[in-house]
């Protein structure tokens, strides 16, 4: 959120404005994801209404069209590739480069490193779960298998140990939002 307000040290003009908008959207999304996960924990994963049925209808129509199952599987694979990229970012900590935070030392650097790693890992996990659900839906021709983020989180909550996974994901989404804010606050902006 702060990065959306303050900008970046490497961009100017139109690119800087787009960068700020992008980071504002990221912060909002991650605060919302954390809130959804926390709400699901508080409500023990109660079911949702119309969004799930709309998604099943959309997925069902796509599967009935020529090449629809292939396209749906491709979308799922793209989600899984994005998940792998998020896990790699978490593991290698490449997010620490090129943001003007390379020179940070001590507690600030450690905070950004931990928050970024946990946040990227949580993002990777949700992308992987959603992607797997989409691929399974395409493979089985069962539109109910394609769940969005909310449906995926509900399904995770229903498994043994699922609440622990939800807790990790909620913490991870909050960490990613905190990471974005910390980078904005501590990045060197020229």
C-alpha atoms as a PDB file:
ATOM      1  CA  UNK A   1       0.000   0.000   0.000  1.00  0.00           C
ATOM      2  CA  UNK A   2       2.792   2.349   0.906  1.00  0.00           C
ATOM      3  CA  UNK A   3       4.642   1.430  -2.306  1.00  0.00           C
ATOM      4  CA  UNK A   4       1.518   2.453  -4.163  1.00  0.00           C
ATOM      5  CA  UNK A   5       1.689   5.825  -2.450  1.00  0.00           C
ATOM      6  CA  UNK A   6       5.442   6.458  -2.526  1.00  0.00           C
ATOM      7  CA  UNK A   7       6.460   4.815  -5.805  1.00  0.00           C
ATOM      8  CA  UNK A   8       9.791   3.217  -6.672  1.00  0.00           C
ATOM      9  CA  UNK A   9      13.369   4.290  -7.152  1.00  0.00           C
ATOM     10  CA  UNK A  10      13.690   2.777 -10.640  1.00  0.00           C
ATOM     11  CA  UNK A  11      10.606   4.080 -12.430  1.00  0.00           C
ATOM     12  CA  UNK A  12       9.376   7.511 -13.429  1.00  0.00           C
ATOM     13  CA  UNK A  13       6.493   9.016 -15.381  1.00  0.00           C
ATOM     14  CA  UNK A  14       3.785   6.672 -16.644  1.00  0.00           C
ATOM     15  CA  UNK A  15       5.686   3.559 -15.531  1.00  0.00           C
ATOM     16  CA  UNK A  16       5.831   4.896 -11.979  1.00  0.00           C
ATOM     17  CA  UNK A  17       2.068   5.508 -11.955  1.00  0.00           C
ATOM     18  CA  UNK A  18       1.375   1.979 -13.260  1.00  0.00           C
ATOM     19  CA  UNK A  19       3.793   0.570 -10.672  1.00  0.00           C
ATOM     20  CA  UNK A  20       1.914   2.365  -7.904  1.00  0.00           C
ATOM     21  CA  UNK A  21      -1.461   1.119  -9.166  1.00  0.00           C
ATOM     22  CA  UNK A  22      -0.115  -2.436  -9.417  1.00  0.00           C
ATOM     23  CA  UNK A  23       1.146  -2.347  -5.837  1.00  0.00           C
ATOM     24  CA  UNK A  24      -2.079  -0.850  -4.538  1.00  0.00           C
ATOM     25  CA  UNK A  25      -4.018  -3.708  -6.152  1.00  0.00           C
ATOM     26  CA  UNK A  26      -1.549  -6.272  -4.730  1.00  0.00           C
ATOM     27  CA  UNK A  27      -1.901  -4.884  -1.213  1.00  0.00           C
ATOM     28  CA  UNK A  28      -5.709  -4.888  -1.412  1.00  0.00           C
ATOM     29  CA  UNK A  29      -5.788  -8.439  -2.786  1.00  0.00           C
ATOM     30  CA  UNK A  30      -3.498  -9.800  -0.097  1.00  0.00           C
ATOM     31  CA  UNK A  31      -5.332  -8.088   2.738  1.00  0.00           C
ATOM     32  CA  UNK A  32      -8.572  -9.522   1.293  1.00  0.00           C
ATOM     33  CA  UNK A  33      -7.079 -13.023   0.963  1.00  0.00           C
ATOM     34  CA  UNK A  34      -5.889 -12.897   4.551  1.00  0.00           C
ATOM     35  CA  UNK A  35      -9.320 -11.729   5.676  1.00  0.00           C
ATOM     36  CA  UNK A  36     -11.053 -14.541   3.724  1.00  0.00           C
ATOM     37  CA  UNK A  37      -8.762 -17.179   5.249  1.00  0.00           C
ATOM     38  CA  UNK A  38      -9.194 -15.744   8.749  1.00  0.00           C
ATOM     39  CA  UNK A  39     -12.979 -15.508   8.276  1.00  0.00           C
ATOM     40  CA  UNK A  40     -13.126 -19.123   7.118  1.00  0.00           C
ATOM     41  CA  UNK A  41     -11.203 -20.197  10.211  1.00  0.00           C
ATOM     42  CA  UNK A  42     -13.578 -18.238  12.426  1.00  0.00           C
ATOM     43  CA  UNK A  43     -16.654 -19.653  10.680  1.00  0.00           C
ATOM     44  CA  UNK A  44     -15.251 -23.198  10.330  1.00  0.00           C
ATOM     45  CA  UNK A  45     -15.528 -23.087   6.530  1.00  0.00           C
ATOM     46  CA  UNK A  46     -19.267 -22.535   6.095  1.00  0.00           C
ATOM     47  CA  UNK A  47     -20.366 -22.787   2.465  1.00  0.00           C
ATOM     48  CA  UNK A  48     -20.722 -19.935   0.032  1.00  0.00           C
ATOM     49  CA  UNK A  49     -23.656 -19.270  -2.183  1.00  0.00           C
ATOM     50  CA  UNK A  50     -23.760 -17.916  -5.696  1.00  0.00           C
ATOM     51  CA  UNK A  51     -20.067 -17.497  -6.554  1.00  0.00           C
ATOM     52  CA  UNK A  52     -19.504 -21.263  -6.480  1.00  0.00           C
ATOM     53  CA  UNK A  53     -22.512 -22.000  -8.689  1.00  0.00           C
ATOM     54  CA  UNK A  54     -21.517 -19.275 -11.177  1.00  0.00           C
ATOM     55  CA  UNK A  55     -18.031 -20.756 -11.415  1.00  0.00           C
ATOM     56  CA  UNK A  56     -19.448 -24.281 -11.952  1.00  0.00           C
ATOM     57  CA  UNK A  57     -21.740 -22.953 -14.694  1.00  0.00           C
ATOM     58  CA  UNK A  58     -18.870 -21.105 -16.401  1.00  0.00           C
ATOM     59  CA  UNK A  59     -16.580 -24.129 -16.120  1.00  0.00           C
ATOM     60  CA  UNK A  60     -19.321 -26.479 -17.352  1.00  0.00           C
ATOM     61  CA  UNK A  61     -19.995 -24.292 -20.403  1.00  0.00           C
ATOM     62  CA  UNK A  62     -16.282 -24.132 -21.158  1.00  0.00           C
ATOM     63  CA  UNK A  63     -15.968 -27.929 -20.952  1.00  0.00           C
ATOM     64  CA  UNK A  64     -18.874 -28.393 -23.367  1.00  0.00           C
ATOM     65  CA  UNK A  65     -17.296 -26.191 -26.030  1.00  0.00           C
ATOM     66  CA  UNK A  66     -14.852 -27.519 -28.615  1.00  0.00           C
ATOM     67  CA  UNK A  67     -11.418 -27.636 -27.031  1.00  0.00           C
ATOM     68  CA  UNK A  68     -12.861 -26.387 -23.751  1.00  0.00           C
ATOM     69  CA  UNK A  69     -11.408 -29.159 -21.613  1.00  0.00           C
ATOM     70  CA  UNK A  70      -7.997 -28.544 -23.166  1.00  0.00           C
ATOM     71  CA  UNK A  71      -8.285 -24.800 -22.523  1.00  0.00           C
ATOM     72  CA  UNK A  72      -9.401 -25.434 -18.945  1.00  0.00           C
ATOM     73  CA  UNK A  73      -6.471 -27.801 -18.386  1.00  0.00           C
ATOM     74  CA  UNK A  74      -4.130 -25.197 -19.875  1.00  0.00           C
ATOM     75  CA  UNK A  75      -5.472 -22.571 -17.456  1.00  0.00           C
ATOM     76  CA  UNK A  76      -4.842 -24.991 -14.584  1.00  0.00           C
ATOM     77  CA  UNK A  77      -1.300 -25.668 -15.772  1.00  0.00           C
ATOM     78  CA  UNK A  78      -0.655 -21.914 -15.985  1.00  0.00           C
ATOM     79  CA  UNK A  79      -1.776 -21.585 -12.358  1.00  0.00           C
ATOM     80  CA  UNK A  80       0.607 -24.405 -11.403  1.00  0.00           C
ATOM     81  CA  UNK A  81       3.501 -22.757 -13.285  1.00  0.00           C
ATOM     82  CA  UNK A  82       2.767 -19.504 -11.456  1.00  0.00           C
ATOM     83  CA  UNK A  83       2.769 -21.485  -8.189  1.00  0.00           C
ATOM     84  CA  UNK A  84       6.180 -22.949  -8.966  1.00  0.00           C
ATOM     85  CA  UNK A  85       7.511 -19.463  -9.743  1.00  0.00           C
ATOM     86  CA  UNK A  86       6.184 -18.231  -6.375  1.00  0.00           C
ATOM     87  CA  UNK A  87       7.865 -21.126  -4.536  1.00  0.00           C
ATOM     88  CA  UNK A  88      11.147 -20.425  -6.345  1.00  0.00           C
ATOM     89  CA  UNK A  89      10.934 -16.744  -5.352  1.00  0.00           C
ATOM     90  CA  UNK A  90      10.340 -17.791  -1.747  1.00  0.00           C
ATOM     91  CA  UNK A  91      13.257 -20.232  -1.784  1.00  0.00           C
ATOM     92  CA  UNK A  92      15.828 -18.077  -3.592  1.00  0.00           C
ATOM     93  CA  UNK A  93      14.654 -14.754  -2.112  1.00  0.00           C
ATOM     94  CA  UNK A  94      15.076 -13.058  -5.514  1.00  0.00           C
ATOM     95  CA  UNK A  95      12.437 -10.548  -4.407  1.00  0.00           C
ATOM     96  CA  UNK A  96      15.164  -8.879  -2.345  1.00  0.00           C
ATOM     97  CA  UNK A  97      16.914  -7.686  -5.515  1.00  0.00           C
ATOM     98  CA  UNK A  98      16.063  -4.611  -7.526  1.00  0.00           C
ATOM     99  CA  UNK A  99      13.645  -3.006  -5.082  1.00  0.00           C
ATOM    100  CA  UNK A 100      16.033  -0.594  -3.440  1.00  0.00           C
ATOM    101  CA  UNK A 101      16.197  -2.684  -0.259  1.00  0.00           C
ATOM    102  CA  UNK A 102      19.479  -4.482  -0.981  1.00  0.00           C
ATOM    103  CA  UNK A 103      21.433  -2.185   1.335  1.00  0.00           C
ATOM    104  CA  UNK A 104      19.182  -2.741   4.351  1.00  0.00           C
ATOM    105  CA  UNK A 105      20.838  -4.378   7.342  1.00  0.00           C
ATOM    106  CA  UNK A 106      19.744  -5.941  10.593  1.00  0.00           C
ATOM    107  CA  UNK A 107      16.157  -6.314  11.698  1.00  0.00           C
ATOM    108  CA  UNK A 108      14.599  -4.502   8.734  1.00  0.00           C
ATOM    109  CA  UNK A 109      16.334  -6.783   6.231  1.00  0.00           C
ATOM    110  CA  UNK A 110      15.474  -9.895   8.256  1.00  0.00           C
ATOM    111  CA  UNK A 111      11.820  -8.812   8.536  1.00  0.00           C
ATOM    112  CA  UNK A 112      11.529  -8.252   4.780  1.00  0.00           C
ATOM    113  CA  UNK A 113      13.265 -11.554   4.047  1.00  0.00           C
ATOM    114  CA  UNK A 114      11.021 -13.610   6.351  1.00  0.00           C
ATOM    115  CA  UNK A 115       7.792 -11.820   5.401  1.00  0.00           C
ATOM    116  CA  UNK A 116       8.616 -12.143   1.709  1.00  0.00           C
ATOM    117  CA  UNK A 117       9.486 -15.834   1.927  1.00  0.00           C
ATOM    118  CA  UNK A 118       6.390 -16.746   3.942  1.00  0.00           C
ATOM    119  CA  UNK A 119       4.201 -14.575   1.714  1.00  0.00           C
ATOM    120  CA  UNK A 120       5.494 -15.978  -1.561  1.00  0.00           C
ATOM    121  CA  UNK A 121       5.170 -19.537  -0.209  1.00  0.00           C
ATOM    122  CA  UNK A 122       1.518 -18.911   0.733  1.00  0.00           C
ATOM    123  CA  UNK A 123       0.870 -17.452  -2.713  1.00  0.00           C
ATOM    124  CA  UNK A 124       2.488 -20.496  -4.291  1.00  0.00           C
ATOM    125  CA  UNK A 125       0.348 -22.844  -2.239  1.00  0.00           C
ATOM    126  CA  UNK A 126      -2.954 -21.205  -3.183  1.00  0.00           C
ATOM    127  CA  UNK A 127      -2.000 -20.994  -6.874  1.00  0.00           C
ATOM    128  CA  UNK A 128      -0.993 -24.691  -6.814  1.00  0.00           C
ATOM    129  CA  UNK A 129      -4.228 -25.786  -5.133  1.00  0.00           C
ATOM    130  CA  UNK A 130      -6.449 -23.753  -7.467  1.00  0.00           C
ATOM    131  CA  UNK A 131      -4.479 -24.957 -10.508  1.00  0.00           C
ATOM    132  CA  UNK A 132      -4.713 -28.589  -9.420  1.00  0.00           C
ATOM    133  CA  UNK A 133      -8.476 -28.236  -8.966  1.00  0.00           C
ATOM    134  CA  UNK A 134      -8.839 -26.797 -12.462  1.00  0.00           C
ATOM    135  CA  UNK A 135      -6.715 -29.570 -14.001  1.00  0.00           C
ATOM    136  CA  UNK A 136      -8.735 -32.223 -12.135  1.00  0.00           C
ATOM    137  CA  UNK A 137     -11.978 -30.624 -13.350  1.00  0.00           C
ATOM    138  CA  UNK A 138     -10.740 -30.741 -16.936  1.00  0.00           C
ATOM    139  CA  UNK A 139      -9.473 -34.334 -16.642  1.00  0.00           C
ATOM    140  CA  UNK A 140     -12.660 -35.665 -15.043  1.00  0.00           C
ATOM    141  CA  UNK A 141     -15.132 -33.400 -16.882  1.00  0.00           C
ATOM    142  CA  UNK A 142     -16.496 -32.452 -13.458  1.00  0.00           C
ATOM    143  CA  UNK A 143     -17.096 -28.704 -13.242  1.00  0.00           C
ATOM    144  CA  UNK A 144     -17.556 -28.926  -9.465  1.00  0.00           C
ATOM    145  CA  UNK A 145     -13.837 -29.712  -9.104  1.00  0.00           C
ATOM    146  CA  UNK A 146     -12.885 -26.249 -10.400  1.00  0.00           C
ATOM    147  CA  UNK A 147     -12.967 -24.075  -7.325  1.00  0.00           C
ATOM    148  CA  UNK A 148     -11.836 -20.533  -6.934  1.00  0.00           C
ATOM    149  CA  UNK A 149      -9.758 -19.340  -4.025  1.00  0.00           C
ATOM    150  CA  UNK A 150     -12.712 -19.398  -1.613  1.00  0.00           C
ATOM    151  CA  UNK A 151     -13.802 -22.902  -2.644  1.00  0.00           C
ATOM    152  CA  UNK A 152     -10.239 -24.175  -2.475  1.00  0.00           C
ATOM    153  CA  UNK A 153      -9.804 -22.747   1.022  1.00  0.00           C
ATOM    154  CA  UNK A 154     -13.094 -24.343   2.120  1.00  0.00           C
ATOM    155  CA  UNK A 155     -11.997 -27.704   0.770  1.00  0.00           C
ATOM    156  CA  UNK A 156      -8.613 -27.419   2.487  1.00  0.00           C
ATOM    157  CA  UNK A 157     -10.404 -26.638   5.777  1.00  0.00           C
ATOM    158  CA  UNK A 158     -12.435 -29.846   5.483  1.00  0.00           C
ATOM    159  CA  UNK A 159      -9.340 -32.121   5.466  1.00  0.00           C
ATOM    160  CA  UNK A 160      -7.491 -33.314   8.574  1.00  0.00           C
ATOM    161  CA  UNK A 161      -4.860 -30.692   9.312  1.00  0.00           C
ATOM    162  CA  UNK A 162      -6.612 -28.322   6.936  1.00  0.00           C
ATOM    163  CA  UNK A 163      -7.092 -25.645   9.549  1.00  0.00           C
ATOM    164  CA  UNK A 164      -3.338 -25.584  10.162  1.00  0.00           C
ATOM    165  CA  UNK A 165      -2.814 -25.075   6.416  1.00  0.00           C
ATOM    166  CA  UNK A 166      -5.386 -22.254   6.473  1.00  0.00           C
ATOM    167  CA  UNK A 167      -3.605 -20.649   9.396  1.00  0.00           C
ATOM    168  CA  UNK A 168      -0.327 -20.802   7.452  1.00  0.00           C
ATOM    169  CA  UNK A 169      -2.007 -19.296   4.394  1.00  0.00           C
ATOM    170  CA  UNK A 170      -3.657 -16.495   6.385  1.00  0.00           C
ATOM    171  CA  UNK A 171      -0.328 -15.695   8.045  1.00  0.00           C
ATOM    172  CA  UNK A 172       1.349 -15.915   4.644  1.00  0.00           C
ATOM    173  CA  UNK A 173      -1.069 -13.491   3.002  1.00  0.00           C
ATOM    174  CA  UNK A 174      -0.660 -11.043   5.883  1.00  0.00           C
ATOM    175  CA  UNK A 175       3.115 -11.463   5.595  1.00  0.00           C
ATOM    176  CA  UNK A 176       2.994 -10.722   1.886  1.00  0.00           C
ATOM    177  CA  UNK A 177       0.941  -7.588   2.488  1.00  0.00           C
ATOM    178  CA  UNK A 178       3.365  -6.561   5.257  1.00  0.00           C
ATOM    179  CA  UNK A 179       6.282  -7.316   2.912  1.00  0.00           C
ATOM    180  CA  UNK A 180       4.809  -4.994   0.270  1.00  0.00           C
ATOM    181  CA  UNK A 181       4.338  -2.226   2.828  1.00  0.00           C
ATOM    182  CA  UNK A 182       7.819  -2.708   4.328  1.00  0.00           C
ATOM    183  CA  UNK A 183       9.439  -2.581   0.903  1.00  0.00           C
ATOM    184  CA  UNK A 184       7.589   0.626   0.190  1.00  0.00           C
ATOM    185  CA  UNK A 185       8.597   2.202   3.466  1.00  0.00           C
ATOM    186  CA  UNK A 186      12.247   1.163   3.460  1.00  0.00           C
ATOM    187  CA  UNK A 187      13.086   1.101  -0.249  1.00  0.00           C
ATOM    188  CA  UNK A 188      15.379   3.855  -1.449  1.00  0.00           C
ATOM    189  CA  UNK A 189      13.354   6.133  -3.704  1.00  0.00           C
ATOM    190  CA  UNK A 190      15.154   8.726  -5.770  1.00  0.00           C
END
